[in-house]
Amino acid sequence: MFNSQKPQVDDLPTSRQLVRATAIAIVAAGAILVAVVLPSEYAVDPTGIGRQLGFTQMGEIKARLAEEAAADAAAGAARVAPASQAAPAKVATAAATAESSRSDTMQLTLAPGQGAEIKAIMAKDARLTFNWSVEGGRVNFDTHADAPGVDYHGYDKGKDTAGESGELVAAFDGKHGWFWRNRSARPVTITLRTEGAYSDLRRVV
């Protein structure tokens, strides 16, 4: 036996209240879609709120990483060995990369609003010392990594800076590096100097 009582008619919401509640829910869902979901997932920011909250930058990074993954997959398919002996596309092998040591200097120029990315291929626990500086202005940056199965792993980020230096320790076998965006009104030139255990260093965006 249940002692629950049936609700009285007067206790139930009216049709007008239900319609109003539904309309509010639809408006709230639409606002979340436009201000949060579209910027963070697809870098689409029609209102500009997503960029102010940092969601649009997240979406841009996801889009770049997806493009890199597609390019890597295409390159791997093109390198398939004959007689069904497929050569899997690996980002790095720990034994080969951890023992190697090299140094590089790279330079790139960014127009106002332009972004660019440089990545090093490193094995887990490999170390790389770096120093980058900006001539002609200041930039926003995001130091991060990715690998098959890892879309994004953040190390550090900042805004309106003229340079950074330090040591990057790879959290896993993969691509590790920097993304910069020029938010100033004039071109800037970034000079990156690296030294350590990595097998390749190249601009990917």
Protein backbone atom coordinates (compact mmCIF):
# COMPACT_ATOMS: atom_id res chain seq x y z
CA MET A 1 0.00 0.00 0.00
CA PHE A 2 1.20 3.51 -0.78
CA ASN A 3 0.16 6.51 1.22
CA SER A 4 1.04 9.07 -1.42
CA GLN A 5 -1.78 11.40 -2.28
CA LYS A 6 -2.80 12.44 -5.73
CA PRO A 7 -1.96 16.09 -6.40
CA GLN A 8 -4.80 18.57 -6.44
CA VAL A 9 -5.63 20.26 -9.71
CA ASP A 10 -4.76 23.62 -8.21
CA ASP A 11 -1.24 22.34 -7.40
CA LEU A 12 -0.42 21.49 -11.02
CA PRO A 13 1.27 24.11 -13.24
CA THR A 14 -0.96 25.85 -15.73
CA SER A 15 -0.48 25.61 -19.46
CA ARG A 16 0.86 29.18 -19.49
CA GLN A 17 3.43 28.31 -16.82
CA LEU A 18 4.54 25.23 -18.76
CA VAL A 19 4.91 27.22 -21.96
CA ARG A 20 6.88 29.92 -20.15
CA ALA A 21 9.19 27.38 -18.49
CA THR A 22 9.77 25.67 -21.84
CA ALA A 23 10.56 28.98 -23.53
CA ILE A 24 13.05 29.92 -20.81
CA ALA A 25 14.76 26.52 -21.14
CA ILE A 26 15.01 26.92 -24.91
CA VAL A 27 16.49 30.42 -24.60
CA ALA A 28 19.00 29.24 -21.97
CA ALA A 29 20.03 26.27 -24.10
CA GLY A 30 20.45 28.53 -27.12
CA ALA A 31 22.59 30.96 -25.14
CA ILE A 32 24.85 28.13 -23.91
CA LEU A 33 25.13 26.78 -27.46
CA VAL A 34 26.13 30.15 -28.92
CA ALA A 35 28.37 31.36 -26.07
CA VAL A 36 30.04 28.10 -24.99
CA VAL A 37 29.53 25.05 -27.21
CA LEU A 38 30.12 26.59 -30.66
CA PRO A 39 33.27 28.56 -29.63
CA SER A 40 34.86 25.74 -27.59
CA GLU A 41 34.11 22.90 -30.03
CA TYR A 42 34.16 24.57 -33.46
CA ALA A 43 35.83 27.99 -32.90
CA VAL A 44 32.59 29.65 -34.09
CA ASP A 45 31.95 32.77 -32.02
CA PRO A 46 29.13 34.91 -33.48
CA THR A 47 28.74 37.01 -30.33
CA GLY A 48 32.39 37.48 -29.30
CA ILE A 49 31.60 36.24 -25.79
CA GLY A 50 33.42 32.96 -26.37
CA ARG A 51 36.73 34.72 -27.07
CA GLN A 52 36.36 36.91 -23.99
CA LEU A 53 35.86 33.76 -21.89
CA GLY A 54 38.67 31.83 -23.60
CA PHE A 55 36.40 29.24 -25.27
CA THR A 56 37.16 30.32 -28.85
CA GLN A 57 40.91 29.84 -28.36
CA MET A 58 40.17 26.32 -27.11
CA GLY A 59 38.12 25.61 -30.25
CA GLU A 60 40.89 26.95 -32.50
CA ILE A 61 43.42 24.65 -30.86
CA LYS A 62 41.08 21.65 -31.25
CA ALA A 63 40.60 22.49 -34.93
CA ARG A 64 44.36 22.70 -35.51
CA LEU A 65 44.98 19.43 -33.71
CA ALA A 66 42.27 17.71 -35.78
CA GLU A 67 43.90 18.99 -38.97
CA GLU A 68 47.30 17.72 -37.80
CA ALA A 69 45.85 14.30 -36.97
CA ALA A 70 44.24 14.07 -40.41
CA ALA A 71 47.51 15.06 -42.09
CA ASP A 72 49.46 12.50 -40.05
CA ALA A 73 46.94 9.79 -40.95
CA ALA A 74 47.21 10.64 -44.65
CA ALA A 75 51.01 10.62 -44.50
CA GLY A 76 50.98 7.28 -42.69
CA ALA A 77 48.70 5.73 -45.33
CA ALA A 78 51.04 6.90 -48.09
CA ARG A 79 53.98 5.17 -46.42
CA VAL A 80 52.39 1.69 -46.18
CA ALA A 81 54.99 -0.96 -47.04
CA PRO A 82 54.38 -3.61 -49.74
CA ALA A 83 53.39 -7.24 -49.08
CA SER A 84 51.02 -6.19 -46.30
CA GLN A 85 53.93 -5.13 -44.08
CA ALA A 86 52.43 -1.86 -42.93
CA ALA A 87 54.80 0.69 -41.45
CA PRO A 88 52.75 2.35 -38.69
CA ALA A 89 53.16 6.10 -38.44
CA LYS A 90 54.69 6.68 -35.02
CA VAL A 91 55.24 10.11 -33.60
CA ALA A 92 58.45 9.10 -31.86
CA THR A 93 60.29 6.06 -30.58
CA ALA A 94 61.59 6.39 -27.05
CA ALA A 95 64.86 4.58 -27.70
CA ALA A 96 65.84 6.66 -30.73
CA THR A 97 64.67 10.07 -29.56
CA ALA A 98 65.75 10.01 -25.92
CA GLU A 99 69.41 9.44 -26.86
CA SER A 100 69.63 12.15 -29.52
CA SER A 101 70.51 15.74 -28.73
CA ARG A 102 70.43 18.70 -31.06
CA SER A 103 69.99 22.47 -31.18
CA ASP A 104 68.03 24.64 -33.58
CA THR A 105 67.11 28.25 -34.23
CA MET A 106 63.88 29.03 -36.05
CA GLN A 107 62.33 32.37 -36.96
CA LEU A 108 58.85 33.26 -38.15
CA THR A 109 56.95 36.48 -38.85
CA LEU A 110 53.28 36.89 -37.95
CA ALA A 111 50.95 39.46 -39.46
CA PRO A 112 48.37 41.13 -37.17
CA GLY A 113 45.91 38.47 -36.00
CA GLN A 114 47.95 35.60 -37.48
CA GLY A 115 48.81 32.46 -35.51
CA ALA A 116 51.58 29.91 -35.97
CA GLU A 117 52.82 26.75 -34.28
CA ILE A 118 56.19 25.00 -33.98
CA LYS A 119 56.41 21.46 -32.61
CA ALA A 120 59.29 19.15 -31.63
CA ILE A 121 58.99 15.36 -31.72
CA MET A 122 60.03 14.04 -28.31
CA ALA A 123 59.94 10.80 -26.33
CA LYS A 124 58.43 10.57 -22.87
CA ASP A 125 60.61 12.25 -20.21
CA ALA A 126 62.92 13.78 -22.85
CA ARG A 127 64.05 17.32 -22.02
CA LEU A 128 64.32 20.42 -24.18
CA THR A 129 65.56 23.84 -23.13
CA PHE A 130 64.08 26.76 -25.04
CA ASN A 131 64.19 30.50 -25.42
CA TRP A 132 61.91 32.51 -27.66
CA SER A 133 61.67 36.25 -28.08
CA VAL A 134 59.42 38.64 -29.99
CA GLU A 135 60.63 41.58 -32.06
CA GLY A 136 58.18 44.34 -32.94
CA GLY A 137 55.48 43.67 -30.37
CA ARG A 138 53.99 41.11 -28.00
CA VAL A 139 52.06 37.86 -28.51
CA ASN A 140 49.77 35.35 -26.82
CA PHE A 141 51.17 31.81 -26.50
CA ASP A 142 50.13 28.29 -25.60
CA THR A 143 52.76 25.63 -24.84
CA HIS A 144 51.18 22.20 -25.31
CA ALA A 145 51.51 18.70 -26.76
CA ASP A 146 49.50 16.10 -28.64
CA ALA A 147 49.82 12.48 -29.76
CA PRO A 148 47.61 9.70 -31.11
CA GLY A 149 44.87 9.40 -28.52
CA VAL A 150 45.80 12.71 -26.86
CA ASP A 151 44.20 15.74 -28.51
CA TYR A 152 45.65 18.34 -26.15
CA HIS A 153 47.99 18.42 -23.16
CA GLY A 154 48.78 21.88 -21.81
CA TYR A 155 52.07 22.96 -20.27
CA ASP A 156 51.77 26.74 -20.06
CA LYS A 157 50.05 29.71 -21.66
CA GLY A 158 50.15 33.48 -21.45
CA LYS A 159 49.08 36.75 -23.02
CA ASP A 160 50.79 39.93 -24.16
CA THR A 161 54.35 38.72 -23.66
CA ALA A 162 57.63 39.50 -25.44
CA GLY A 163 59.28 36.15 -24.77
CA GLU A 164 59.71 33.09 -22.57
CA SER A 165 62.48 30.65 -21.64
CA GLY A 166 62.70 27.43 -19.67
CA GLU A 167 62.76 23.66 -19.93
CA LEU A 168 60.08 21.44 -21.46
CA VAL A 169 59.87 17.85 -20.18
CA ALA A 170 57.79 15.61 -22.45
CA ALA A 171 54.83 14.04 -20.65
CA PHE A 172 54.54 11.33 -23.33
CA ASP A 173 55.81 10.32 -26.78
CA GLY A 174 54.42 12.95 -29.12
CA LYS A 175 54.64 16.45 -30.54
CA HIS A 176 55.51 19.18 -28.06
CA GLY A 177 55.80 22.89 -28.72
CA TRP A 178 54.31 26.34 -28.94
CA PHE A 179 51.43 28.18 -30.56
CA TRP A 180 51.66 31.96 -30.91
CA ARG A 181 49.12 34.54 -32.05
CA ASN A 182 49.92 38.15 -32.88
CA ARG A 183 47.21 40.30 -31.32
CA SER A 184 48.95 43.58 -32.09
CA ALA A 185 48.29 45.95 -34.98
CA ARG A 186 51.63 45.39 -36.71
CA PRO A 187 53.78 42.40 -37.80
CA VAL A 188 56.05 40.73 -35.25
CA THR A 189 58.99 38.35 -35.64
CA ILE A 190 59.47 35.42 -33.24
CA THR A 191 62.89 33.79 -32.82
CA LEU A 192 62.91 30.34 -31.17
CA ARG A 193 66.09 28.65 -29.93
CA THR A 194 65.97 25.06 -28.70
CA GLU A 195 68.44 22.48 -27.44
CA GLY A 196 67.82 18.97 -26.16
CA ALA A 197 66.55 15.47 -26.90
CA TYR A 198 64.17 15.70 -29.84
CA SER A 199 64.20 14.18 -33.31
CA ASP A 200 62.55 16.92 -35.34
CA LEU A 201 61.47 20.54 -35.08
CA ARG A 202 59.18 22.12 -37.62
CA ARG A 203 56.43 24.65 -38.17
CA VAL A 204 53.10 22.82 -38.39
CA VAL A 205 50.68 25.76 -38.75
